[in-house]
């Protein structure tokens, strides 16, 4: 699954410059039908949804009983994926002069953060769905009468927006923290009454065996 996630991320970053002039027309509540959302700003939905889906395939019970800190490794892999997207964006911006590349990497990190928070609050099924709905919702209610995005609609801002980049990084950090906190809650779970009863029964059998041999 890691290969699929990596391929999806690299494919998205390579496909974004080819679709730089394309846009998805979505009616806006305040500005009517404008020029739409640039396709490169929507493309990061694909690798983000694939990563979230891959994470949801591992039962939470495995994280609770694993010897190694699985969620910390997962947080490291998520951070590595975002750094990889930023490196690819820098290469595209330098080599082929694609200024929207950093916006693509920014949206990938932000979409991941939103999906992680939603999965932590509502379950793994809703993570990829929320990521897919986010850019559409921003296009519907996040554009002003002049067609410019509001301050809070960071997925629609240009790559030069410091506010959008800072917001996406903060959202990603909150999402990773939510996933880590979920792992701590899972490790605090106590063994079931059946397991405790089985342990007590085993100990009583051993005590009886020892007493019988001493006689």
C-alpha atoms as a PDB file:
ATOM      1  CA  UNK A   1       0.000   0.000   0.000  1.00  0.00           C
ATOM      2  CA  UNK A   2       2.960   2.305   0.598  1.00  0.00           C
ATOM      3  CA  UNK A   3       3.915   1.923  -3.050  1.00  0.00           C
ATOM      4  CA  UNK A   4       0.414   2.937  -4.134  1.00  0.00           C
ATOM      5  CA  UNK A   5       0.460   6.015  -1.889  1.00  0.00           C
ATOM      6  CA  UNK A   6       3.901   7.071  -3.116  1.00  0.00           C
ATOM      7  CA  UNK A   7       2.915   6.551  -6.749  1.00  0.00           C
ATOM      8  CA  UNK A   8      -0.263   8.574  -6.269  1.00  0.00           C
ATOM      9  CA  UNK A   9       1.654  11.461  -4.703  1.00  0.00           C
ATOM     10  CA  UNK A  10       4.364  11.553  -7.364  1.00  0.00           C
ATOM     11  CA  UNK A  11       1.785  11.168 -10.142  1.00  0.00           C
ATOM     12  CA  UNK A  12      -0.217  14.070  -8.736  1.00  0.00           C
ATOM     13  CA  UNK A  13       2.802  16.339  -8.586  1.00  0.00           C
ATOM     14  CA  UNK A  14       3.774  15.412 -12.153  1.00  0.00           C
ATOM     15  CA  UNK A  15       0.245  15.756 -13.517  1.00  0.00           C
ATOM     16  CA  UNK A  16      -0.424  19.152 -11.928  1.00  0.00           C
ATOM     17  CA  UNK A  17       1.719  21.195 -14.390  1.00  0.00           C
ATOM     18  CA  UNK A  18       0.003  19.520 -17.343  1.00  0.00           C
ATOM     19  CA  UNK A  19      -3.399  20.679 -16.060  1.00  0.00           C
ATOM     20  CA  UNK A  20      -2.302  24.129 -14.961  1.00  0.00           C
ATOM     21  CA  UNK A  21      -4.687  25.842 -17.397  1.00  0.00           C
ATOM     22  CA  UNK A  22      -7.722  23.702 -16.510  1.00  0.00           C
ATOM     23  CA  UNK A  23     -10.405  24.562 -13.972  1.00  0.00           C
ATOM     24  CA  UNK A  24     -13.466  22.870 -12.514  1.00  0.00           C
ATOM     25  CA  UNK A  25     -16.514  25.177 -12.824  1.00  0.00           C
ATOM     26  CA  UNK A  26     -18.453  25.139  -9.565  1.00  0.00           C
ATOM     27  CA  UNK A  27     -21.209  27.695  -8.847  1.00  0.00           C
ATOM     28  CA  UNK A  28     -20.399  30.003  -5.955  1.00  0.00           C
ATOM     29  CA  UNK A  29     -23.016  31.140  -3.468  1.00  0.00           C
ATOM     30  CA  UNK A  30     -21.735  34.724  -3.389  1.00  0.00           C
ATOM     31  CA  UNK A  31     -20.006  35.288  -6.732  1.00  0.00           C
ATOM     32  CA  UNK A  32     -22.056  33.151  -9.122  1.00  0.00           C
ATOM     33  CA  UNK A  33     -20.344  31.053 -11.769  1.00  0.00           C
ATOM     34  CA  UNK A  34     -16.765  32.245 -11.977  1.00  0.00           C
ATOM     35  CA  UNK A  35     -13.635  30.837 -13.530  1.00  0.00           C
ATOM     36  CA  UNK A  36     -13.857  27.769 -11.263  1.00  0.00           C
ATOM     37  CA  UNK A  37     -11.241  25.987  -9.160  1.00  0.00           C
ATOM     38  CA  UNK A  38      -7.893  25.271 -10.820  1.00  0.00           C
ATOM     39  CA  UNK A  39      -7.560  21.524 -11.251  1.00  0.00           C
ATOM     40  CA  UNK A  40      -4.056  21.410  -9.677  1.00  0.00           C
ATOM     41  CA  UNK A  41      -5.553  22.636  -6.388  1.00  0.00           C
ATOM     42  CA  UNK A  42      -8.012  19.716  -6.396  1.00  0.00           C
ATOM     43  CA  UNK A  43      -5.578  16.989  -7.493  1.00  0.00           C
ATOM     44  CA  UNK A  44      -4.024  16.531  -4.002  1.00  0.00           C
ATOM     45  CA  UNK A  45      -7.373  15.098  -2.914  1.00  0.00           C
ATOM     46  CA  UNK A  46      -6.394  11.849  -4.655  1.00  0.00           C
ATOM     47  CA  UNK A  47      -3.154  11.003  -2.798  1.00  0.00           C
ATOM     48  CA  UNK A  48      -4.552  12.347   0.494  1.00  0.00           C
ATOM     49  CA  UNK A  49      -7.643  10.142   0.230  1.00  0.00           C
ATOM     50  CA  UNK A  50      -5.515   7.114  -0.675  1.00  0.00           C
ATOM     51  CA  UNK A  51      -3.249   7.654   2.334  1.00  0.00           C
ATOM     52  CA  UNK A  52      -6.226   8.037   4.673  1.00  0.00           C
ATOM     53  CA  UNK A  53      -7.878   4.936   3.248  1.00  0.00           C
ATOM     54  CA  UNK A  54      -4.664   2.940   3.709  1.00  0.00           C
ATOM     55  CA  UNK A  55      -4.437   4.065   7.325  1.00  0.00           C
ATOM     56  CA  UNK A  56      -8.022   2.988   8.001  1.00  0.00           C
ATOM     57  CA  UNK A  57      -7.320  -0.565   6.801  1.00  0.00           C
ATOM     58  CA  UNK A  58      -5.212  -1.329   9.887  1.00  0.00           C
ATOM     59  CA  UNK A  59      -7.431  -2.262  12.884  1.00  0.00           C
ATOM     60  CA  UNK A  60      -6.967   0.021  15.883  1.00  0.00           C
ATOM     61  CA  UNK A  61      -6.462  -3.051  18.083  1.00  0.00           C
ATOM     62  CA  UNK A  62      -3.135  -3.654  16.334  1.00  0.00           C
ATOM     63  CA  UNK A  63      -1.937  -0.192  17.335  1.00  0.00           C
ATOM     64  CA  UNK A  64      -2.909  -0.858  20.952  1.00  0.00           C
ATOM     65  CA  UNK A  65      -0.989  -4.153  21.278  1.00  0.00           C
ATOM     66  CA  UNK A  66       1.959  -3.436  19.003  1.00  0.00           C
ATOM     67  CA  UNK A  67       5.392  -3.581  20.616  1.00  0.00           C
ATOM     68  CA  UNK A  68       6.723  -0.663  18.580  1.00  0.00           C
ATOM     69  CA  UNK A  69       5.117   2.816  18.572  1.00  0.00           C
ATOM     70  CA  UNK A  70       3.158   2.328  15.357  1.00  0.00           C
ATOM     71  CA  UNK A  71       1.456   5.713  15.396  1.00  0.00           C
ATOM     72  CA  UNK A  72       4.748   7.549  15.841  1.00  0.00           C
ATOM     73  CA  UNK A  73       6.143   5.777  12.810  1.00  0.00           C
ATOM     74  CA  UNK A  74       2.976   6.655  10.930  1.00  0.00           C
ATOM     75  CA  UNK A  75       3.337  10.308  11.910  1.00  0.00           C
ATOM     76  CA  UNK A  76       6.896  10.193  10.627  1.00  0.00           C
ATOM     77  CA  UNK A  77       5.762   8.714   7.320  1.00  0.00           C
ATOM     78  CA  UNK A  78       3.076  11.395   6.951  1.00  0.00           C
ATOM     79  CA  UNK A  79       5.648  14.100   7.582  1.00  0.00           C
ATOM     80  CA  UNK A  80       8.000  12.456   5.086  1.00  0.00           C
ATOM     81  CA  UNK A  81       5.240  12.446   2.460  1.00  0.00           C
ATOM     82  CA  UNK A  82       4.621  16.171   2.954  1.00  0.00           C
ATOM     83  CA  UNK A  83       8.343  16.937   2.773  1.00  0.00           C
ATOM     84  CA  UNK A  84       8.568  14.880  -0.427  1.00  0.00           C
ATOM     85  CA  UNK A  85       5.691  16.876  -1.921  1.00  0.00           C
ATOM     86  CA  UNK A  86       7.447  20.129  -0.979  1.00  0.00           C
ATOM     87  CA  UNK A  87      10.723  18.962  -2.556  1.00  0.00           C
ATOM     88  CA  UNK A  88       8.945  18.001  -5.774  1.00  0.00           C
ATOM     89  CA  UNK A  89       7.145  21.349  -5.747  1.00  0.00           C
ATOM     90  CA  UNK A  90      10.436  23.182  -5.403  1.00  0.00           C
ATOM     91  CA  UNK A  91      11.923  21.204  -8.285  1.00  0.00           C
ATOM     92  CA  UNK A  92       8.945  21.938 -10.528  1.00  0.00           C
ATOM     93  CA  UNK A  93       8.990  25.616  -9.637  1.00  0.00           C
ATOM     94  CA  UNK A  94      12.699  25.853 -10.426  1.00  0.00           C
ATOM     95  CA  UNK A  95      12.914  23.628 -13.492  1.00  0.00           C
ATOM     96  CA  UNK A  96       9.671  24.304 -15.374  1.00  0.00           C
ATOM     97  CA  UNK A  97       8.560  27.540 -13.713  1.00  0.00           C
ATOM     98  CA  UNK A  98       5.311  26.151 -12.322  1.00  0.00           C
ATOM     99  CA  UNK A  99       4.335  28.680  -9.612  1.00  0.00           C
ATOM    100  CA  UNK A 100       1.298  26.667  -8.480  1.00  0.00           C
ATOM    101  CA  UNK A 101       3.487  23.732  -7.405  1.00  0.00           C
ATOM    102  CA  UNK A 102       3.803  24.919  -3.815  1.00  0.00           C
ATOM    103  CA  UNK A 103       0.032  25.337  -3.613  1.00  0.00           C
ATOM    104  CA  UNK A 104      -0.357  21.690  -4.650  1.00  0.00           C
ATOM    105  CA  UNK A 105       2.033  20.548  -1.913  1.00  0.00           C
ATOM    106  CA  UNK A 106       0.334  22.872   0.584  1.00  0.00           C
ATOM    107  CA  UNK A 107      -3.096  21.460  -0.205  1.00  0.00           C
ATOM    108  CA  UNK A 108      -1.820  17.898   0.106  1.00  0.00           C
ATOM    109  CA  UNK A 109      -0.644  18.582   3.659  1.00  0.00           C
ATOM    110  CA  UNK A 110      -3.816  20.483   4.540  1.00  0.00           C
ATOM    111  CA  UNK A 111      -6.130  17.834   3.107  1.00  0.00           C
ATOM    112  CA  UNK A 112      -4.278  15.172   5.091  1.00  0.00           C
ATOM    113  CA  UNK A 113      -4.699  17.171   8.286  1.00  0.00           C
ATOM    114  CA  UNK A 114      -8.430  17.645   7.757  1.00  0.00           C
ATOM    115  CA  UNK A 115      -8.894  13.953   7.001  1.00  0.00           C
ATOM    116  CA  UNK A 116      -6.956  12.896  10.097  1.00  0.00           C
ATOM    117  CA  UNK A 117      -9.080  15.093  12.350  1.00  0.00           C
ATOM    118  CA  UNK A 118     -12.320  13.817  10.801  1.00  0.00           C
ATOM    119  CA  UNK A 119     -11.196  10.192  11.116  1.00  0.00           C
ATOM    120  CA  UNK A 120     -10.333  10.748  14.759  1.00  0.00           C
ATOM    121  CA  UNK A 121     -13.728  12.322  15.536  1.00  0.00           C
ATOM    122  CA  UNK A 122     -16.155  10.408  13.317  1.00  0.00           C
ATOM    123  CA  UNK A 123     -14.423   7.238  12.164  1.00  0.00           C
ATOM    124  CA  UNK A 124     -12.152   6.145   9.304  1.00  0.00           C
ATOM    125  CA  UNK A 125     -14.938   6.047   6.716  1.00  0.00           C
ATOM    126  CA  UNK A 126     -15.416   9.801   6.722  1.00  0.00           C
ATOM    127  CA  UNK A 127     -11.787  10.856   6.320  1.00  0.00           C
ATOM    128  CA  UNK A 128     -11.495  10.460   2.531  1.00  0.00           C
ATOM    129  CA  UNK A 129     -15.052  11.760   2.057  1.00  0.00           C
ATOM    130  CA  UNK A 130     -14.308  14.952   3.966  1.00  0.00           C
ATOM    131  CA  UNK A 131     -11.157  15.513   1.920  1.00  0.00           C
ATOM    132  CA  UNK A 132     -13.103  15.134  -1.336  1.00  0.00           C
ATOM    133  CA  UNK A 133     -15.831  17.507  -0.142  1.00  0.00           C
ATOM    134  CA  UNK A 134     -13.509  20.215   1.202  1.00  0.00           C
ATOM    135  CA  UNK A 135     -12.473  21.972  -2.054  1.00  0.00           C
ATOM    136  CA  UNK A 136     -16.034  21.824  -3.365  1.00  0.00           C
ATOM    137  CA  UNK A 137     -17.380  23.360  -0.161  1.00  0.00           C
ATOM    138  CA  UNK A 138     -14.717  26.076  -0.300  1.00  0.00           C
ATOM    139  CA  UNK A 139     -15.699  26.895  -3.874  1.00  0.00           C
ATOM    140  CA  UNK A 140     -19.404  27.099  -3.015  1.00  0.00           C
ATOM    141  CA  UNK A 141     -19.202  29.277   0.101  1.00  0.00           C
ATOM    142  CA  UNK A 142     -15.589  30.476   0.158  1.00  0.00           C
ATOM    143  CA  UNK A 143     -15.503  32.984  -2.708  1.00  0.00           C
ATOM    144  CA  UNK A 144     -16.486  36.614  -2.204  1.00  0.00           C
ATOM    145  CA  UNK A 145     -18.523  38.775  -4.589  1.00  0.00           C
ATOM    146  CA  UNK A 146     -15.340  39.733  -6.438  1.00  0.00           C
ATOM    147  CA  UNK A 147     -14.443  36.100  -6.997  1.00  0.00           C
ATOM    148  CA  UNK A 148     -11.506  36.211  -4.578  1.00  0.00           C
ATOM    149  CA  UNK A 149     -11.325  33.551  -1.843  1.00  0.00           C
ATOM    150  CA  UNK A 150     -11.951  34.500   1.752  1.00  0.00           C
ATOM    151  CA  UNK A 151      -9.075  34.318   4.218  1.00  0.00           C
ATOM    152  CA  UNK A 152     -10.217  30.989   5.663  1.00  0.00           C
ATOM    153  CA  UNK A 153     -10.487  29.184   2.303  1.00  0.00           C
ATOM    154  CA  UNK A 154      -6.816  28.258   2.213  1.00  0.00           C
ATOM    155  CA  UNK A 155      -7.189  25.541  -0.482  1.00  0.00           C
ATOM    156  CA  UNK A 156      -8.128  28.198  -3.063  1.00  0.00           C
ATOM    157  CA  UNK A 157      -5.381  30.717  -2.336  1.00  0.00           C
ATOM    158  CA  UNK A 158      -2.386  31.266  -4.564  1.00  0.00           C
ATOM    159  CA  UNK A 159       0.925  29.612  -3.802  1.00  0.00           C
ATOM    160  CA  UNK A 160       2.361  32.927  -2.589  1.00  0.00           C
ATOM    161  CA  UNK A 161      -0.164  33.198   0.262  1.00  0.00           C
ATOM    162  CA  UNK A 162       1.701  32.917   3.563  1.00  0.00           C
ATOM    163  CA  UNK A 163      -1.590  32.740   5.482  1.00  0.00           C
ATOM    164  CA  UNK A 164      -2.787  29.748   3.453  1.00  0.00           C
ATOM    165  CA  UNK A 165       0.533  27.939   3.912  1.00  0.00           C
ATOM    166  CA  UNK A 166       0.545  28.575   7.659  1.00  0.00           C
ATOM    167  CA  UNK A 167      -3.059  27.402   7.957  1.00  0.00           C
ATOM    168  CA  UNK A 168      -2.365  24.187   6.046  1.00  0.00           C
ATOM    169  CA  UNK A 169       0.690  23.437   8.208  1.00  0.00           C
ATOM    170  CA  UNK A 170      -1.307  24.052  11.391  1.00  0.00           C
ATOM    171  CA  UNK A 171      -4.156  21.829  10.190  1.00  0.00           C
ATOM    172  CA  UNK A 172      -1.682  19.081   9.335  1.00  0.00           C
ATOM    173  CA  UNK A 173      -0.079  19.371  12.762  1.00  0.00           C
ATOM    174  CA  UNK A 174      -3.458  19.174  14.484  1.00  0.00           C
ATOM    175  CA  UNK A 175      -4.363  16.107  12.443  1.00  0.00           C
ATOM    176  CA  UNK A 176      -1.139  14.288  13.311  1.00  0.00           C
ATOM    177  CA  UNK A 177      -1.576  15.191  16.984  1.00  0.00           C
ATOM    178  CA  UNK A 178      -5.146  13.861  16.899  1.00  0.00           C
ATOM    179  CA  UNK A 179      -3.916  10.572  15.459  1.00  0.00           C
ATOM    180  CA  UNK A 180      -1.211  10.295  18.118  1.00  0.00           C
ATOM    181  CA  UNK A 181      -3.674  11.023  20.916  1.00  0.00           C
ATOM    182  CA  UNK A 182      -5.944   8.329  19.548  1.00  0.00           C
ATOM    183  CA  UNK A 183      -3.103   5.848  19.934  1.00  0.00           C
ATOM    184  CA  UNK A 184      -2.554   6.830  23.574  1.00  0.00           C
ATOM    185  CA  UNK A 185      -6.217   6.331  24.329  1.00  0.00           C
ATOM    186  CA  UNK A 186      -6.042   2.881  22.775  1.00  0.00           C
ATOM    187  CA  UNK A 187      -3.040   1.887  24.903  1.00  0.00           C
ATOM    188  CA  UNK A 188      -4.906   2.829  28.069  1.00  0.00           C
ATOM    189  CA  UNK A 189      -7.614   0.259  27.469  1.00  0.00           C
ATOM    190  CA  UNK A 190      -7.704  -2.397  30.192  1.00  0.00           C
ATOM    191  CA  UNK A 191      -7.898  -6.122  29.439  1.00  0.00           C
ATOM    192  CA  UNK A 192     -11.350  -7.579  29.132  1.00  0.00           C
ATOM    193  CA  UNK A 193     -13.075  -9.378  32.001  1.00  0.00           C
ATOM    194  CA  UNK A 194     -12.810 -12.646  30.079  1.00  0.00           C
ATOM    195  CA  UNK A 195      -9.033 -12.350  29.900  1.00  0.00           C
ATOM    196  CA  UNK A 196      -8.799 -11.414  33.571  1.00  0.00           C
ATOM    197  CA  UNK A 197     -11.010 -14.384  34.482  1.00  0.00           C
ATOM    198  CA  UNK A 198      -8.877 -16.722  32.403  1.00  0.00           C
ATOM    199  CA  UNK A 199      -5.762 -15.427  34.161  1.00  0.00           C
ATOM    200  CA  UNK A 200      -7.248 -15.997  37.602  1.00  0.00           C
ATOM    201  CA  UNK A 201      -8.346 -19.514  36.613  1.00  0.00           C
ATOM    202  CA  UNK A 202      -4.860 -20.343  35.390  1.00  0.00           C
ATOM    203  CA  UNK A 203      -3.298 -19.132  38.634  1.00  0.00           C
ATOM    204  CA  UNK A 204      -5.738 -21.187  40.770  1.00  0.00           C
ATOM    205  CA  UNK A 205      -4.937 -24.321  38.752  1.00  0.00           C
ATOM    206  CA  UNK A 206      -1.220 -23.798  39.315  1.00  0.00           C
ATOM    207  CA  UNK A 207      -1.776 -23.301  43.062  1.00  0.00           C
ATOM    208  CA  UNK A 208      -3.795 -26.523  43.262  1.00  0.00           C
ATOM    209  CA  UNK A 209      -1.103 -28.432  41.370  1.00  0.00           C
ATOM    210  CA  UNK A 210       1.625 -27.190  43.714  1.00  0.00           C
ATOM    211  CA  UNK A 211      -0.427 -28.069  46.830  1.00  0.00           C
ATOM    212  CA  UNK A 212      -1.103 -31.590  45.516  1.00  0.00           C
ATOM    213  CA  UNK A 213       2.581 -32.254  44.871  1.00  0.00           C
ATOM    214  CA  UNK A 214       3.537 -31.066  48.362  1.00  0.00           C
ATOM    215  CA  UNK A 215       1.238 -33.679  49.888  1.00  0.00           C
END
